[in-house]
Amino acid sequence: KSKPLNELAVRKAVVQAFDVATYNKIQFQGM
């Protein structure tokens, strides 16, 4: 409901730009 995330293409691009493997390495560091 918020701009610019009201555009499906923007939301999709954000997900495509999101490096989940790196994110989770940070999240689980030391575990």
PDB file of all heavy atoms in Angstrom:
ATOM      1  N   LYS A   1       0.821  -1.211   0.000  1.00  0.00           N
ATOM      2  CA  LYS A   1       0.000   0.000   0.000  1.00  0.00           C
ATOM      3  C   LYS A   1       0.854   1.260   0.000  1.00  0.00           C
ATOM      4  O   LYS A   1       0.346   2.376  -0.070  1.00  0.00           O
ATOM      5  CB  LYS A   1      -0.929   0.011   1.220  1.00  0.00           C
ATOM      6  CG  LYS A   1      -1.946  -1.127   1.263  1.00  0.00           C
ATOM      7  CD  LYS A   1      -2.954  -1.035   0.146  1.00  0.00           C
ATOM      8  CE  LYS A   1      -4.009  -2.136   0.291  1.00  0.00           C
ATOM      9  NZ  LYS A   1      -4.986  -2.119  -0.827  1.00  0.00           N
ATOM     10  N   SER A   2       2.178   1.079   0.117  1.00  0.00           N
ATOM     11  CA  SER A   2       3.075   2.235   0.172  1.00  0.00           C
ATOM     12  C   SER A   2       3.859   2.351  -1.132  1.00  0.00           C
ATOM     13  O   SER A   2       4.286   1.346  -1.701  1.00  0.00           O
ATOM     14  CB  SER A   2       4.046   2.095   1.348  1.00  0.00           C
ATOM     15  OG  SER A   2       4.925   0.994   1.154  1.00  0.00           O
ATOM     16  N   LYS A   3       4.058   3.570  -1.580  1.00  0.00           N
ATOM     17  CA  LYS A   3       4.849   3.800  -2.791  1.00  0.00           C
ATOM     18  C   LYS A   3       6.328   3.727  -2.457  1.00  0.00           C
ATOM     19  O   LYS A   3       6.742   4.198  -1.398  1.00  0.00           O
ATOM     20  CB  LYS A   3       4.509   5.171  -3.385  1.00  0.00           C
ATOM     21  CG  LYS A   3       3.076   5.281  -3.886  1.00  0.00           C
ATOM     22  CD  LYS A   3       2.823   6.656  -4.491  1.00  0.00           C
ATOM     23  CE  LYS A   3       1.388   6.752  -5.018  1.00  0.00           C
ATOM     24  NZ  LYS A   3       1.109   8.078  -5.614  1.00  0.00           N
ATOM     25  N   PRO A   4       7.149   3.127  -3.301  1.00  0.00           N
ATOM     26  CA  PRO A   4       6.876   2.548  -4.618  1.00  0.00           C
ATOM     27  C   PRO A   4       6.541   1.052  -4.575  1.00  0.00           C
ATOM     28  O   PRO A   4       6.428   0.411  -5.618  1.00  0.00           O
ATOM     29  CB  PRO A   4       8.189   2.774  -5.348  1.00  0.00           C
ATOM     30  CG  PRO A   4       9.222   2.582  -4.268  1.00  0.00           C
ATOM     31  CD  PRO A   4       8.605   3.167  -3.030  1.00  0.00           C
ATOM     32  N   LEU A   5       6.393   0.482  -3.356  1.00  0.00           N
ATOM     33  CA  LEU A   5       6.112  -0.948  -3.257  1.00  0.00           C
ATOM     34  C   LEU A   5       4.695  -1.300  -3.687  1.00  0.00           C
ATOM     35  O   LEU A   5       4.335  -2.480  -3.715  1.00  0.00           O
ATOM     36  CB  LEU A   5       6.369  -1.434  -1.823  1.00  0.00           C
ATOM     37  CG  LEU A   5       7.842  -1.453  -1.388  1.00  0.00           C
ATOM     38  CD1 LEU A   5       7.954  -1.862   0.077  1.00  0.00           C
ATOM     39  CD2 LEU A   5       8.659  -2.418  -2.259  1.00  0.00           C
ATOM     40  N   ASN A   6       3.902  -0.288  -4.039  1.00  0.00           N
ATOM     41  CA  ASN A   6       2.572  -0.580  -4.575  1.00  0.00           C
ATOM     42  C   ASN A   6       2.655  -1.151  -5.989  1.00  0.00           C
ATOM     43  O   ASN A   6       1.679  -1.682  -6.513  1.00  0.00           O
ATOM     44  CB  ASN A   6       1.705   0.679  -4.577  1.00  0.00           C
ATOM     45  CG  ASN A   6       2.304   1.810  -5.393  1.00  0.00           C
ATOM     46  OD1 ASN A   6       3.515   2.001  -5.410  1.00  0.00           O
ATOM     47  ND2 ASN A   6       1.460   2.566  -6.065  1.00  0.00           N
ATOM     48  N   GLU A   7       3.848  -1.083  -6.602  1.00  0.00           N
ATOM     49  CA  GLU A   7       4.062  -1.683  -7.922  1.00  0.00           C
ATOM     50  C   GLU A   7       4.580  -3.118  -7.746  1.00  0.00           C
ATOM     51  O   GLU A   7       5.587  -3.349  -7.081  1.00  0.00           O
ATOM     52  CB  GLU A   7       5.089  -0.884  -8.729  1.00  0.00           C
ATOM     53  CG  GLU A   7       4.660   0.516  -9.100  1.00  0.00           C
ATOM     54  CD  GLU A   7       5.705   1.196  -9.972  1.00  0.00           C
ATOM     55  OE1 GLU A   7       6.032   0.639 -11.055  1.00  0.00           O
ATOM     56  OE2 GLU A   7       6.202   2.257  -9.577  1.00  0.00           O
ATOM     57  N   LEU A   8       3.902  -4.055  -8.366  1.00  0.00           N
ATOM     58  CA  LEU A   8       4.323  -5.452  -8.298  1.00  0.00           C
ATOM     59  C   LEU A   8       5.749  -5.620  -8.799  1.00  0.00           C
ATOM     60  O   LEU A   8       6.545  -6.370  -8.221  1.00  0.00           O
ATOM     61  CB  LEU A   8       3.374  -6.327  -9.122  1.00  0.00           C
ATOM     62  CG  LEU A   8       3.759  -7.808  -9.272  1.00  0.00           C
ATOM     63  CD1 LEU A   8       3.823  -8.489  -7.913  1.00  0.00           C
ATOM     64  CD2 LEU A   8       2.764  -8.539 -10.185  1.00  0.00           C
ATOM     65  N   ALA A   9       6.109  -4.903  -9.864  1.00  0.00           N
ATOM     66  CA  ALA A   9       7.450  -5.024 -10.433  1.00  0.00           C
ATOM     67  C   ALA A   9       8.520  -4.602  -9.433  1.00  0.00           C
ATOM     68  O   ALA A   9       9.606  -5.207  -9.376  1.00  0.00           O
ATOM     69  CB  ALA A   9       7.562  -4.175 -11.702  1.00  0.00           C
ATOM     70  N   VAL A  10       8.236  -3.593  -8.629  1.00  0.00           N
ATOM     71  CA  VAL A  10       9.208  -3.137  -7.636  1.00  0.00           C
ATOM     72  C   VAL A  10       9.375  -4.191  -6.544  1.00  0.00           C
ATOM     73  O   VAL A  10      10.492  -4.505  -6.130  1.00  0.00           O
ATOM     74  CB  VAL A  10       8.797  -1.778  -7.039  1.00  0.00           C
ATOM     75  CG1 VAL A  10       9.723  -1.392  -5.883  1.00  0.00           C
ATOM     76  CG2 VAL A  10       8.820  -0.698  -8.111  1.00  0.00           C
ATOM     77  N   ARG A  11       8.264  -4.733  -6.071  1.00  0.00           N
ATOM     78  CA  ARG A  11       8.342  -5.776  -5.037  1.00  0.00           C
ATOM     79  C   ARG A  11       9.114  -6.985  -5.554  1.00  0.00           C
ATOM     80  O   ARG A  11       9.947  -7.574  -4.848  1.00  0.00           O
ATOM     81  CB  ARG A  11       6.936  -6.192  -4.589  1.00  0.00           C
ATOM     82  CG  ARG A  11       6.106  -5.061  -3.997  1.00  0.00           C
ATOM     83  CD  ARG A  11       4.901  -5.572  -3.232  1.00  0.00           C
ATOM     84  NE  ARG A  11       3.983  -6.372  -4.014  1.00  0.00           N
ATOM     85  CZ  ARG A  11       2.991  -5.902  -4.761  1.00  0.00           C
ATOM     86  NH1 ARG A  11       2.791  -4.585  -4.846  1.00  0.00           N
ATOM     87  NH2 ARG A  11       2.189  -6.711  -5.419  1.00  0.00           N
ATOM     88  N   LYS A  12       8.843  -7.352  -6.795  1.00  0.00           N
ATOM     89  CA  LYS A  12       9.536  -8.487  -7.397  1.00  0.00           C
ATOM     90  C   LYS A  12      11.025  -8.198  -7.516  1.00  0.00           C
ATOM     91  O   LYS A  12      11.868  -9.055  -7.194  1.00  0.00           O
ATOM     92  CB  LYS A  12       8.943  -8.781  -8.773  1.00  0.00           C
ATOM     93  CG  LYS A  12       9.591  -9.947  -9.505  1.00  0.00           C
ATOM     94  CD  LYS A  12       8.903 -10.191 -10.855  1.00  0.00           C
ATOM     95  CE  LYS A  12       9.570 -11.324 -11.618  1.00  0.00           C
ATOM     96  NZ  LYS A  12       8.894 -11.560 -12.918  1.00  0.00           N
ATOM     97  N   ALA A  13      11.376  -7.003  -7.927  1.00  0.00           N
ATOM     98  CA  ALA A  13      12.777  -6.630  -8.070  1.00  0.00           C
ATOM     99  C   ALA A  13      13.494  -6.642  -6.729  1.00  0.00           C
ATOM    100  O   ALA A  13      14.660  -7.050  -6.635  1.00  0.00           O
ATOM    101  CB  ALA A  13      12.892  -5.247  -8.717  1.00  0.00           C
ATOM    102  N   VAL A  14      12.822  -6.209  -5.685  1.00  0.00           N
ATOM    103  CA  VAL A  14      13.405  -6.230  -4.337  1.00  0.00           C
ATOM    104  C   VAL A  14      13.736  -7.664  -3.935  1.00  0.00           C
ATOM    105  O   VAL A  14      14.815  -7.944  -3.394  1.00  0.00           O
ATOM    106  CB  VAL A  14      12.450  -5.577  -3.319  1.00  0.00           C
ATOM    107  CG1 VAL A  14      12.917  -5.850  -1.890  1.00  0.00           C
ATOM    108  CG2 VAL A  14      12.361  -4.079  -3.560  1.00  0.00           C
ATOM    109  N   VAL A  15      12.818  -8.591  -4.216  1.00  0.00           N
ATOM    110  CA  VAL A  15      13.058 -10.000  -3.885  1.00  0.00           C
ATOM    111  C   VAL A  15      14.207 -10.551  -4.717  1.00  0.00           C
ATOM    112  O   VAL A  15      15.071 -11.286  -4.209  1.00  0.00           O
ATOM    113  CB  VAL A  15      11.774 -10.821  -4.101  1.00  0.00           C
ATOM    114  CG1 VAL A  15      12.057 -12.311  -3.970  1.00  0.00           C
ATOM    115  CG2 VAL A  15      10.701 -10.402  -3.102  1.00  0.00           C
ATOM    116  N   GLN A  16      14.248 -10.195  -6.001  1.00  0.00           N
ATOM    117  CA  GLN A  16      15.338 -10.673  -6.860  1.00  0.00           C
ATOM    118  C   GLN A  16      16.690 -10.101  -6.428  1.00  0.00           C
ATOM    119  O   GLN A  16      17.730 -10.730  -6.628  1.00  0.00           O
ATOM    120  CB  GLN A  16      15.050 -10.285  -8.312  1.00  0.00           C
ATOM    121  CG  GLN A  16      13.880 -11.037  -8.930  1.00  0.00           C
ATOM    122  CD  GLN A  16      13.515 -10.509 -10.316  1.00  0.00           C
ATOM    123  OE1 GLN A  16      13.541  -9.296 -10.551  1.00  0.00           O
ATOM    124  NE2 GLN A  16      13.187 -11.415 -11.223  1.00  0.00           N
ATOM    125  N   ALA A  17      16.689  -8.930  -5.826  1.00  0.00           N
ATOM    126  CA  ALA A  17      17.927  -8.293  -5.384  1.00  0.00           C
ATOM    127  C   ALA A  17      18.360  -8.763  -4.001  1.00  0.00           C
ATOM    128  O   ALA A  17      19.465  -8.421  -3.540  1.00  0.00           O
ATOM    129  CB  ALA A  17      17.749  -6.774  -5.367  1.00  0.00           C
ATOM    130  N   PHE A  18      17.518  -9.551  -3.353  1.00  0.00           N
ATOM    131  CA  PHE A  18      17.758  -9.979  -1.977  1.00  0.00           C
ATOM    132  C   PHE A  18      18.582 -11.259  -1.955  1.00  0.00           C
ATOM    133  O   PHE A  18      18.130 -12.325  -2.384  1.00  0.00           O
ATOM    134  CB  PHE A  18      16.418 -10.186  -1.276  1.00  0.00           C
ATOM    135  CG  PHE A  18      16.527 -10.708   0.131  1.00  0.00           C
ATOM    136  CD1 PHE A  18      17.222 -10.014   1.100  1.00  0.00           C
ATOM    137  CD2 PHE A  18      15.924 -11.913   0.487  1.00  0.00           C
ATOM    138  CE1 PHE A  18      17.318 -10.497   2.405  1.00  0.00           C
ATOM    139  CE2 PHE A  18      15.998 -12.405   1.770  1.00  0.00           C
ATOM    140  CZ  PHE A  18      16.707 -11.693   2.742  1.00  0.00           C
ATOM    141  N   ASP A  19      19.801 -11.171  -1.439  1.00  0.00           N
ATOM    142  CA  ASP A  19      20.724 -12.316  -1.344  1.00  0.00           C
ATOM    143  C   ASP A  19      20.439 -13.053  -0.041  1.00  0.00           C
ATOM    144  O   ASP A  19      21.051 -12.771   0.993  1.00  0.00           O
ATOM    145  CB  ASP A  19      22.162 -11.816  -1.396  1.00  0.00           C
ATOM    146  CG  ASP A  19      23.189 -12.943  -1.352  1.00  0.00           C
ATOM    147  OD1 ASP A  19      22.776 -14.112  -1.211  1.00  0.00           O
ATOM    148  OD2 ASP A  19      24.397 -12.642  -1.433  1.00  0.00           O
ATOM    149  N   VAL A  20      19.516 -14.003  -0.088  1.00  0.00           N
ATOM    150  CA  VAL A  20      19.067 -14.676   1.128  1.00  0.00           C
ATOM    151  C   VAL A  20      20.175 -15.501   1.776  1.00  0.00           C
ATOM    152  O   VAL A  20      20.240 -15.610   3.001  1.00  0.00           O
ATOM    153  CB  VAL A  20      17.822 -15.550   0.828  1.00  0.00           C
ATOM    154  CG1 VAL A  20      18.172 -16.718  -0.081  1.00  0.00           C
ATOM    155  CG2 VAL A  20      17.187 -16.054   2.114  1.00  0.00           C
ATOM    156  N   ALA A  21      21.072 -16.076   0.981  1.00  0.00           N
ATOM    157  CA  ALA A  21      22.148 -16.893   1.538  1.00  0.00           C
ATOM    158  C   ALA A  21      23.073 -16.043   2.411  1.00  0.00           C
ATOM    159  O   ALA A  21      23.447 -16.437   3.523  1.00  0.00           O
ATOM    160  CB  ALA A  21      22.932 -17.563   0.414  1.00  0.00           C
ATOM    161  N   THR A  22      23.443 -14.875   1.921  1.00  0.00           N
ATOM    162  CA  THR A  22      24.293 -13.975   2.699  1.00  0.00           C
ATOM    163  C   THR A  22      23.560 -13.470   3.937  1.00  0.00           C
ATOM    164  O   THR A  22      24.132 -13.381   5.034  1.00  0.00           O
ATOM    165  CB  THR A  22      24.735 -12.789   1.831  1.00  0.00           C
ATOM    166  OG1 THR A  22      25.561 -13.274   0.766  1.00  0.00           O
ATOM    167  CG2 THR A  22      25.518 -11.771   2.642  1.00  0.00           C
ATOM    168  N   TYR A  23      22.310 -13.124   3.774  1.00  0.00           N
ATOM    169  CA  TYR A  23      21.482 -12.645   4.881  1.00  0.00           C
ATOM    170  C   TYR A  23      21.441 -13.682   6.010  1.00  0.00           C
ATOM    171  O   TYR A  23      21.597 -13.358   7.189  1.00  0.00           O
ATOM    172  CB  TYR A  23      20.080 -12.373   4.349  1.00  0.00           C
ATOM    173  CG  TYR A  23      19.132 -11.650   5.282  1.00  0.00           C
ATOM    174  CD1 TYR A  23      19.090 -10.257   5.321  1.00  0.00           C
ATOM    175  CD2 TYR A  23      18.236 -12.358   6.079  1.00  0.00           C
ATOM    176  CE1 TYR A  23      18.185  -9.588   6.147  1.00  0.00           C
ATOM    177  CE2 TYR A  23      17.338 -11.701   6.910  1.00  0.00           C
ATOM    178  CZ  TYR A  23      17.306 -10.313   6.933  1.00  0.00           C
ATOM    179  OH  TYR A  23      16.408  -9.663   7.749  1.00  0.00           O
ATOM    180  N   ASN A  24      21.243 -14.945   5.635  1.00  0.00           N
ATOM    181  CA  ASN A  24      21.150 -15.998   6.648  1.00  0.00           C
ATOM    182  C   ASN A  24      22.506 -16.350   7.260  1.00  0.00           C
ATOM    183  O   ASN A  24      22.569 -16.798   8.410  1.00  0.00           O
ATOM    184  CB  ASN A  24      20.480 -17.239   6.061  1.00  0.00           C
ATOM    185  CG  ASN A  24      18.983 -17.055   5.901  1.00  0.00           C
ATOM    186  OD1 ASN A  24      18.382 -16.220   6.578  1.00  0.00           O
ATOM    187  ND2 ASN A  24      18.374 -17.824   5.017  1.00  0.00           N
ATOM    188  N   LYS A  25      23.580 -16.159   6.527  1.00  0.00           N
ATOM    189  CA  LYS A  25      24.908 -16.359   7.120  1.00  0.00           C
ATOM    190  C   LYS A  25      25.125 -15.370   8.262  1.00  0.00           C
ATOM    191  O   LYS A  25      25.679 -15.706   9.309  1.00  0.00           O
ATOM    192  CB  LYS A  25      25.997 -16.183   6.061  1.00  0.00           C
ATOM    193  CG  LYS A  25      26.189 -17.388   5.154  1.00  0.00           C
ATOM    194  CD  LYS A  25      27.314 -17.145   4.157  1.00  0.00           C
ATOM    195  CE  LYS A  25      27.475 -18.345   3.210  1.00  0.00           C
ATOM    196  NZ  LYS A  25      28.535 -18.098   2.191  1.00  0.00           N
ATOM    197  N   ILE A  26      24.677 -14.150   8.052  1.00  0.00           N
ATOM    198  CA  ILE A  26      24.782 -13.133   9.100  1.00  0.00           C
ATOM    199  C   ILE A  26      23.866 -13.504  10.263  1.00  0.00           C
ATOM    200  O   ILE A  26      24.242 -13.425  11.431  1.00  0.00           O
ATOM    201  CB  ILE A  26      24.396 -11.746   8.542  1.00  0.00           C
ATOM    202  CG1 ILE A  26      25.375 -11.313   7.455  1.00  0.00           C
ATOM    203  CG2 ILE A  26      24.336 -10.705   9.659  1.00  0.00           C
ATOM    204  CD1 ILE A  26      24.938 -10.081   6.695  1.00  0.00           C
ATOM    205  N   GLN A  27      22.668 -13.940   9.920  1.00  0.00           N
ATOM    206  CA  GLN A  27      21.663 -14.264  10.925  1.00  0.00           C
ATOM    207  C   GLN A  27      22.108 -15.407  11.832  1.00  0.00           C
ATOM    208  O   GLN A  27      21.855 -15.388  13.044  1.00  0.00           O
ATOM    209  CB  GLN A  27      20.360 -14.642  10.209  1.00  0.00           C
ATOM    210  CG  GLN A  27      19.172 -14.779  11.086  1.00  0.00           C
ATOM    211  CD  GLN A  27      17.880 -14.835  10.285  1.00  0.00           C
ATOM    212  OE1 GLN A  27      16.865 -14.320  10.699  1.00  0.00           O
ATOM    213  NE2 GLN A  27      17.904 -15.461   9.115  1.00  0.00           N
ATOM    214  N   PHE A  28      22.783 -16.398  11.267  1.00  0.00           N
ATOM    215  CA  PHE A  28      23.162 -17.590  12.028  1.00  0.00           C
ATOM    216  C   PHE A  28      24.650 -17.637  12.357  1.00  0.00           C
ATOM    217  O   PHE A  28      25.172 -18.690  12.729  1.00  0.00           O
ATOM    218  CB  PHE A  28      22.773 -18.853  11.249  1.00  0.00           C
ATOM    219  CG  PHE A  28      21.295 -18.971  10.987  1.00  0.00           C
ATOM    220  CD1 PHE A  28      20.830 -19.416   9.759  1.00  0.00           C
ATOM    221  CD2 PHE A  28      20.377 -18.629  11.962  1.00  0.00           C
ATOM    222  CE1 PHE A  28      19.464 -19.531   9.518  1.00  0.00           C
ATOM    223  CE2 PHE A  28      19.015 -18.737  11.726  1.00  0.00           C
ATOM    224  CZ  PHE A  28      18.551 -19.183  10.512  1.00  0.00           C
ATOM    225  N   GLN A  29      25.329 -16.518  12.241  1.00  0.00           N
ATOM    226  CA  GLN A  29      26.757 -16.496  12.518  1.00  0.00           C
ATOM    227  C   GLN A  29      27.037 -16.951  13.948  1.00  0.00           C
ATOM    228  O   GLN A  29      26.426 -16.489  14.898  1.00  0.00           O
ATOM    229  CB  GLN A  29      27.306 -15.078  12.319  1.00  0.00           C
ATOM    230  CG  GLN A  29      28.821 -14.999  12.427  1.00  0.00           C
ATOM    231  CD  GLN A  29      29.337 -13.591  12.175  1.00  0.00           C
ATOM    232  OE1 GLN A  29      28.574 -12.635  12.196  1.00  0.00           O
ATOM    233  NE2 GLN A  29      30.633 -13.463  11.936  1.00  0.00           N
ATOM    234  N   GLY A  30      27.954 -17.884  14.086  1.00  0.00           N
ATOM    235  CA  GLY A  30      28.341 -18.374  15.395  1.00  0.00           C
ATOM    236  C   GLY A  30      27.469 -19.491  15.937  1.00  0.00           C
ATOM    237  O   GLY A  30      27.707 -20.000  17.027  1.00  0.00           O
ATOM    238  N   MET A  31      26.451 -19.882  15.188  1.00  0.00           N
ATOM    239  CA  MET A  31      25.532 -20.916  15.656  1.00  0.00           C
ATOM    240  C   MET A  31      25.820 -22.285  15.054  1.00  0.00           C
ATOM    241  O   MET A  31      25.303 -23.288  15.527  1.00  0.00           O
ATOM    242  CB  MET A  31      24.083 -20.542  15.311  1.00  0.00           C
ATOM    243  CG  MET A  31      23.563 -19.319  15.999  1.00  0.00           C
ATOM    244  SD  MET A  31      21.801 -19.111  15.630  1.00  0.00           S
ATOM    245  CE  MET A  31      21.525 -17.473  16.270  1.00  0.00           C
TER     246      MET A  31
END
